Amino acid sequence: MVQNESELRARIVELEAEHRALETAIHALQEATAPDLFALRRLKKRKLQLKDAIERLRSRLIPDLNA
């Protein structure tokens, strides 16, 4: 499990790179004459999972404030 801030930031960078790669793959698949809809749905689902994971990690970087 990722613990310190530098590890969190490094993991976020990795996930963002994978997210961008999926965006490119999705775009290429959508431009195909007969896109594989199952593969497209799978890629979009994975992209959404990555987005959620990135947001969870980013929220861990924000310090808790006692109100």
PDB file of N, CA and C in Angstrom:
ATOM      1  N   MET A   1       0.835  -1.186   0.000  1.00  0.00           N
ATOM      2  CA  MET A   1       0.000   0.000   0.000  1.00  0.00           C
ATOM      3  C   MET A   1       0.882   1.252   0.000  1.00  0.00           C
ATOM      4  N   VAL A   2       0.475   2.254  -0.731  1.00  0.00           N
ATOM      5  CA  VAL A   2       1.231   3.489  -0.842  1.00  0.00           C
ATOM      6  C   VAL A   2       1.048   4.301   0.443  1.00  0.00           C
ATOM      7  N   GLN A   3       2.147   4.778   1.020  1.00  0.00           N
ATOM      8  CA  GLN A   3       2.051   5.448   2.311  1.00  0.00           C
ATOM      9  C   GLN A   3       2.417   6.930   2.270  1.00  0.00           C
ATOM     10  N   ASN A   4       3.628   7.262   1.852  1.00  0.00           N
ATOM     11  CA  ASN A   4       4.049   8.649   1.981  1.00  0.00           C
ATOM     12  C   ASN A   4       3.654   9.479   0.757  1.00  0.00           C
ATOM     13  N   GLU A   5       3.809  10.786   0.905  1.00  0.00           N
ATOM     14  CA  GLU A   5       3.350  11.712  -0.133  1.00  0.00           C
ATOM     15  C   GLU A   5       4.046  11.499  -1.472  1.00  0.00           C
ATOM     16  N   SER A   6       5.345  11.253  -1.452  1.00  0.00           N
ATOM     17  CA  SER A   6       6.056  11.066  -2.723  1.00  0.00           C
ATOM     18  C   SER A   6       5.595   9.794  -3.434  1.00  0.00           C
ATOM     19  N   GLU A   7       5.312   8.737  -2.660  1.00  0.00           N
ATOM     20  CA  GLU A   7       4.787   7.514  -3.263  1.00  0.00           C
ATOM     21  C   GLU A   7       3.395   7.750  -3.837  1.00  0.00           C
ATOM     22  N   LEU A   8       2.570   8.513  -3.118  1.00  0.00           N
ATOM     23  CA  LEU A   8       1.228   8.834  -3.613  1.00  0.00           C
ATOM     24  C   LEU A   8       1.313   9.605  -4.923  1.00  0.00           C
ATOM     25  N   ARG A   9       2.175  10.613  -4.953  1.00  0.00           N
ATOM     26  CA  ARG A   9       2.321  11.415  -6.171  1.00  0.00           C
ATOM     27  C   ARG A   9       2.836  10.580  -7.341  1.00  0.00           C
ATOM     28  N   ALA A  10       3.778   9.686  -7.074  1.00  0.00           N
ATOM     29  CA  ALA A  10       4.314   8.822  -8.127  1.00  0.00           C
ATOM     30  C   ALA A  10       3.221   7.890  -8.658  1.00  0.00           C
ATOM     31  N   ARG A  11       2.420   7.361  -7.778  1.00  0.00           N
ATOM     32  CA  ARG A  11       1.323   6.467  -8.194  1.00  0.00           C
ATOM     33  C   ARG A  11       0.289   7.234  -9.016  1.00  0.00           C
ATOM     34  N   ILE A  12       0.004   8.473  -8.612  1.00  0.00           N
ATOM     35  CA  ILE A  12      -0.937   9.305  -9.368  1.00  0.00           C
ATOM     36  C   ILE A  12      -0.412   9.528 -10.782  1.00  0.00           C
ATOM     37  N   VAL A  13       0.871   9.811 -10.909  1.00  0.00           N
ATOM     38  CA  VAL A  13       1.478  10.026 -12.236  1.00  0.00           C
ATOM     39  C   VAL A  13       1.346   8.762 -13.085  1.00  0.00           C
ATOM     40  N   GLU A  14       1.592   7.597 -12.489  1.00  0.00           N
ATOM     41  CA  GLU A  14       1.454   6.335 -13.216  1.00  0.00           C
ATOM     42  C   GLU A  14       0.019   6.134 -13.704  1.00  0.00           C
ATOM     43  N   LEU A  15      -0.934   6.366 -12.818  1.00  0.00           N
ATOM     44  CA  LEU A  15      -2.346   6.173 -13.171  1.00  0.00           C
ATOM     45  C   LEU A  15      -2.795   7.178 -14.234  1.00  0.00           C
ATOM     46  N   GLU A  16      -2.306   8.408 -14.132  1.00  0.00           N
ATOM     47  CA  GLU A  16      -2.658   9.417 -15.137  1.00  0.00           C
ATOM     48  C   GLU A  16      -2.116   9.038 -16.513  1.00  0.00           C
ATOM     49  N   ALA A  17      -0.919   8.461 -16.548  1.00  0.00           N
ATOM     50  CA  ALA A  17      -0.340   8.020 -17.820  1.00  0.00           C
ATOM     51  C   ALA A  17      -1.177   6.896 -18.427  1.00  0.00           C
ATOM     52  N   GLU A  18      -1.596   5.959 -17.587  1.00  0.00           N
ATOM     53  CA  GLU A  18      -2.445   4.872 -18.076  1.00  0.00           C
ATOM     54  C   GLU A  18      -3.797   5.419 -18.550  1.00  0.00           C
ATOM     55  N   HIS A  19      -4.326   6.404 -17.833  1.00  0.00           N
ATOM     56  CA  HIS A  19      -5.604   7.042 -18.200  1.00  0.00           C
ATOM     57  C   HIS A  19      -5.493   7.692 -19.580  1.00  0.00           C
ATOM     58  N   ARG A  20      -4.392   8.416 -19.808  1.00  0.00           N
ATOM     59  CA  ARG A  20      -4.175   9.053 -21.117  1.00  0.00           C
ATOM     60  C   ARG A  20      -4.037   8.019 -22.232  1.00  0.00           C
ATOM     61  N   ALA A  21      -3.342   6.935 -21.943  1.00  0.00           N
ATOM     62  CA  ALA A  21      -3.171   5.877 -22.937  1.00  0.00           C
ATOM     63  C   ALA A  21      -4.520   5.254 -23.289  1.00  0.00           C
ATOM     64  N   LEU A  22      -5.363   5.066 -22.295  1.00  0.00           N
ATOM     65  CA  LEU A  22      -6.694   4.528 -22.558  1.00  0.00           C
ATOM     66  C   LEU A  22      -7.521   5.499 -23.386  1.00  0.00           C
ATOM     67  N   GLU A  23      -7.390   6.781 -23.114  1.00  0.00           N
ATOM     68  CA  GLU A  23      -8.113   7.798 -23.893  1.00  0.00           C
ATOM     69  C   GLU A  23      -7.727   7.698 -25.363  1.00  0.00           C
ATOM     70  N   THR A  24      -6.446   7.535 -25.625  1.00  0.00           N
ATOM     71  CA  THR A  24      -5.958   7.390 -26.997  1.00  0.00           C
ATOM     72  C   THR A  24      -6.501   6.111 -27.635  1.00  0.00           C
ATOM     73  N   ALA A  25      -6.473   5.015 -26.889  1.00  0.00           N
ATOM     74  CA  ALA A  25      -6.972   3.741 -27.406  1.00  0.00           C
ATOM     75  C   ALA A  25      -8.467   3.803 -27.683  1.00  0.00           C
ATOM     76  N   ILE A  26      -9.210   4.443 -26.796  1.00  0.00           N
ATOM     77  CA  ILE A  26     -10.657   4.580 -26.977  1.00  0.00           C
ATOM     78  C   ILE A  26     -10.945   5.402 -28.225  1.00  0.00           C
ATOM     79  N   HIS A  27     -10.237   6.490 -28.371  1.00  0.00           N
ATOM     80  CA  HIS A  27     -10.441   7.351 -29.535  1.00  0.00           C
ATOM     81  C   HIS A  27     -10.148   6.585 -30.831  1.00  0.00           C
ATOM     82  N   ALA A  28      -9.056   5.836 -30.848  1.00  0.00           N
ATOM     83  CA  ALA A  28      -8.692   5.066 -32.036  1.00  0.00           C
ATOM     84  C   ALA A  28      -9.753   4.006 -32.343  1.00  0.00           C
ATOM     85  N   LEU A  29     -10.254   3.365 -31.313  1.00  0.00           N
ATOM     86  CA  LEU A  29     -11.268   2.337 -31.502  1.00  0.00           C
ATOM     87  C   LEU A  29     -12.578   2.932 -32.014  1.00  0.00           C
ATOM     88  N   GLN A  30     -12.927   4.109 -31.519  1.00  0.00           N
ATOM     89  CA  GLN A  30     -14.155   4.771 -31.966  1.00  0.00           C
ATOM     90  C   GLN A  30     -14.056   5.207 -33.424  1.00  0.00           C
ATOM     91  N   GLU A  31     -12.855   5.498 -33.884  1.00  0.00           N
ATOM     92  CA  GLU A  31     -12.654   5.939 -35.259  1.00  0.00           C
ATOM     93  C   GLU A  31     -12.654   4.775 -36.257  1.00  0.00           C
ATOM     94  N   ALA A  32     -12.583   3.548 -35.745  1.00  0.00           N
ATOM     95  CA  ALA A  32     -12.564   2.376 -36.628  1.00  0.00           C
ATOM     96  C   ALA A  32     -13.893   2.255 -37.363  1.00  0.00           C
ATOM     97  N   THR A  33     -13.844   1.629 -38.521  1.00  0.00           N
ATOM     98  CA  THR A  33     -15.061   1.471 -39.328  1.00  0.00           C
ATOM     99  C   THR A  33     -16.093   0.611 -38.617  1.00  0.00           C
ATOM    100  N   ALA A  34     -15.653  -0.465 -37.995  1.00  0.00           N
ATOM    101  CA  ALA A  34     -16.554  -1.339 -37.245  1.00  0.00           C
ATOM    102  C   ALA A  34     -15.960  -1.550 -35.856  1.00  0.00           C
ATOM    103  N   PRO A  35     -16.166  -0.587 -34.958  1.00  0.00           N
ATOM    104  CA  PRO A  35     -15.539  -0.701 -33.633  1.00  0.00           C
ATOM    105  C   PRO A  35     -16.085  -1.888 -32.836  1.00  0.00           C
ATOM    106  N   ASP A  36     -15.219  -2.499 -32.080  1.00  0.00           N
ATOM    107  CA  ASP A  36     -15.592  -3.595 -31.183  1.00  0.00           C
ATOM    108  C   ASP A  36     -16.241  -2.957 -29.951  1.00  0.00           C
ATOM    109  N   LEU A  37     -17.561  -3.024 -29.887  1.00  0.00           N
ATOM    110  CA  LEU A  37     -18.289  -2.347 -28.819  1.00  0.00           C
ATOM    111  C   LEU A  37     -18.002  -2.934 -27.446  1.00  0.00           C
ATOM    112  N   PHE A  38     -17.761  -4.234 -27.388  1.00  0.00           N
ATOM    113  CA  PHE A  38     -17.421  -4.861 -26.113  1.00  0.00           C
ATOM    114  C   PHE A  38     -16.080  -4.342 -25.602  1.00  0.00           C
ATOM    115  N   ALA A  39     -15.090  -4.294 -26.477  1.00  0.00           N
ATOM    116  CA  ALA A  39     -13.762  -3.790 -26.097  1.00  0.00           C
ATOM    117  C   ALA A  39     -13.855  -2.313 -25.717  1.00  0.00           C
ATOM    118  N   LEU A  40     -14.651  -1.564 -26.446  1.00  0.00           N
ATOM    119  CA  LEU A  40     -14.825  -0.144 -26.164  1.00  0.00           C
ATOM    120  C   LEU A  40     -15.426   0.050 -24.771  1.00  0.00           C
ATOM    121  N   ARG A  41     -16.448  -0.726 -24.457  1.00  0.00           N
ATOM    122  CA  ARG A  41     -17.080  -0.633 -23.142  1.00  0.00           C
ATOM    123  C   ARG A  41     -16.097  -0.994 -22.038  1.00  0.00           C
ATOM    124  N   ARG A  42     -15.278  -2.037 -22.277  1.00  0.00           N
ATOM    125  CA  ARG A  42     -14.293  -2.470 -21.288  1.00  0.00           C
ATOM    126  C   ARG A  42     -13.237  -1.382 -21.047  1.00  0.00           C
ATOM    127  N   LEU A  43     -12.772  -0.755 -22.129  1.00  0.00           N
ATOM    128  CA  LEU A  43     -11.770   0.306 -21.999  1.00  0.00           C
ATOM    129  C   LEU A  43     -12.340   1.516 -21.253  1.00  0.00           C
ATOM    130  N   LYS A  44     -13.583   1.866 -21.573  1.00  0.00           N
ATOM    131  CA  LYS A  44     -14.212   3.005 -20.902  1.00  0.00           C
ATOM    132  C   LYS A  44     -14.412   2.724 -19.412  1.00  0.00           C
ATOM    133  N   LYS A  45     -14.765   1.488 -19.077  1.00  0.00           N
ATOM    134  CA  LYS A  45     -14.942   1.119 -17.674  1.00  0.00           C
ATOM    135  C   LYS A  45     -13.613   1.218 -16.932  1.00  0.00           C
ATOM    136  N   ARG A  46     -12.552   0.717 -17.546  1.00  0.00           N
ATOM    137  CA  ARG A  46     -11.226   0.788 -16.923  1.00  0.00           C
ATOM    138  C   ARG A  46     -10.780   2.244 -16.759  1.00  0.00           C
ATOM    139  N   LYS A  47     -11.080   3.073 -17.751  1.00  0.00           N
ATOM    140  CA  LYS A  47     -10.719   4.484 -17.681  1.00  0.00           C
ATOM    141  C   LYS A  47     -11.437   5.155 -16.505  1.00  0.00           C
ATOM    142  N   LEU A  48     -12.707   4.830 -16.310  1.00  0.00           N
ATOM    143  CA  LEU A  48     -13.469   5.386 -15.193  1.00  0.00           C
ATOM    144  C   LEU A  48     -12.915   4.899 -13.856  1.00  0.00           C
ATOM    145  N   GLN A  49     -12.518   3.631 -13.794  1.00  0.00           N
ATOM    146  CA  GLN A  49     -11.917   3.102 -12.571  1.00  0.00           C
ATOM    147  C   GLN A  49     -10.624   3.839 -12.249  1.00  0.00           C
ATOM    148  N   LEU A  50      -9.831   4.123 -13.279  1.00  0.00           N
ATOM    149  CA  LEU A  50      -8.586   4.860 -13.072  1.00  0.00           C
ATOM    150  C   LEU A  50      -8.865   6.268 -12.565  1.00  0.00           C
ATOM    151  N   LYS A  51      -9.861   6.916 -13.165  1.00  0.00           N
ATOM    152  CA  LYS A  51     -10.216   8.272 -12.738  1.00  0.00           C
ATOM    153  C   LYS A  51     -10.606   8.273 -11.260  1.00  0.00           C
ATOM    154  N   ASP A  52     -11.406   7.300 -10.848  1.00  0.00           N
ATOM    155  CA  ASP A  52     -11.813   7.195  -9.448  1.00  0.00           C
ATOM    156  C   ASP A  52     -10.611   6.954  -8.537  1.00  0.00           C
ATOM    157  N   ALA A  53      -9.702   6.083  -8.951  1.00  0.00           N
ATOM    158  CA  ALA A  53      -8.513   5.788  -8.156  1.00  0.00           C
ATOM    159  C   ALA A  53      -7.635   7.024  -8.023  1.00  0.00           C
ATOM    160  N   ILE A  54      -7.490   7.778  -9.101  1.00  0.00           N
ATOM    161  CA  ILE A  54      -6.693   9.009  -9.073  1.00  0.00           C
ATOM    162  C   ILE A  54      -7.298   9.996  -8.088  1.00  0.00           C
ATOM    163  N   GLU A  55      -8.611  10.158  -8.136  1.00  0.00           N
ATOM    164  CA  GLU A  55      -9.282  11.094  -7.221  1.00  0.00           C
ATOM    165  C   GLU A  55      -9.148  10.647  -5.770  1.00  0.00           C
ATOM    166  N   ARG A  56      -9.241   9.340  -5.518  1.00  0.00           N
ATOM    167  CA  ARG A  56      -9.065   8.841  -4.142  1.00  0.00           C
ATOM    168  C   ARG A  56      -7.659   9.154  -3.633  1.00  0.00           C
ATOM    169  N   LEU A  57      -6.654   8.945  -4.494  1.00  0.00           N
ATOM    170  CA  LEU A  57      -5.275   9.222  -4.075  1.00  0.00           C
ATOM    171  C   LEU A  57      -5.059  10.718  -3.860  1.00  0.00           C
ATOM    172  N   ARG A  58      -5.623  11.526  -4.746  1.00  0.00           N
ATOM    173  CA  ARG A  58      -5.488  12.982  -4.577  1.00  0.00           C
ATOM    174  C   ARG A  58      -6.124  13.442  -3.270  1.00  0.00           C
ATOM    175  N   SER A  59      -7.247  12.836  -2.909  1.00  0.00           N
ATOM    176  CA  SER A  59      -7.911  13.244  -1.664  1.00  0.00           C
ATOM    177  C   SER A  59      -7.062  12.864  -0.449  1.00  0.00           C
ATOM    178  N   ARG A  60      -6.250  11.814  -0.576  1.00  0.00           N
ATOM    179  CA  ARG A  60      -5.360  11.433   0.527  1.00  0.00           C
ATOM    180  C   ARG A  60      -4.233  12.438   0.706  1.00  0.00           C
ATOM    181  N   LEU A  61      -3.946  13.228  -0.343  1.00  0.00           N
ATOM    182  CA  LEU A  61      -2.893  14.237  -0.241  1.00  0.00           C
ATOM    183  C   LEU A  61      -3.364  15.486   0.507  1.00  0.00           C
ATOM    184  N   ILE A  62      -4.676  15.654   0.600  1.00  0.00           N
ATOM    185  CA  ILE A  62      -5.237  16.828   1.272  1.00  0.00           C
ATOM    186  C   ILE A  62      -5.273  16.548   2.765  1.00  0.00           C
ATOM    187  N   PRO A  63      -4.636  17.393   3.560  1.00  0.00           N
ATOM    188  CA  PRO A  63      -4.602  17.143   5.011  1.00  0.00           C
ATOM    189  C   PRO A  63      -5.993  17.295   5.624  1.00  0.00           C
ATOM    190  N   ASP A  64      -6.259  16.481   6.641  1.00  0.00           N
ATOM    191  CA  ASP A  64      -7.511  16.596   7.373  1.00  0.00           C
ATOM    192  C   ASP A  64      -7.478  17.851   8.236  1.00  0.00           C
ATOM    193  N   LEU A  65      -8.564  18.580   8.241  1.00  0.00           N
ATOM    194  CA  LEU A  65      -8.663  19.782   9.052  1.00  0.00           C
ATOM    195  C   LEU A  65      -9.688  19.538  10.152  1.00  0.00           C
ATOM    196  N   ASN A  66      -9.307  19.844  11.343  1.00  0.00           N
ATOM    197  CA  ASN A  66     -10.257  19.736  12.461  1.00  0.00           C
ATOM    198  C   ASN A  66     -11.089  21.002  12.500  1.00  0.00           C
ATOM    199  N   ALA A  67     -12.387  20.839  12.416  1.00  0.00           N
ATOM    200  CA  ALA A  67     -13.275  22.001  12.386  1.00  0.00           C
ATOM    201  C   ALA A  67     -13.543  22.542  13.750  1.00  0.00           C
TER     202      ALA A  67
END
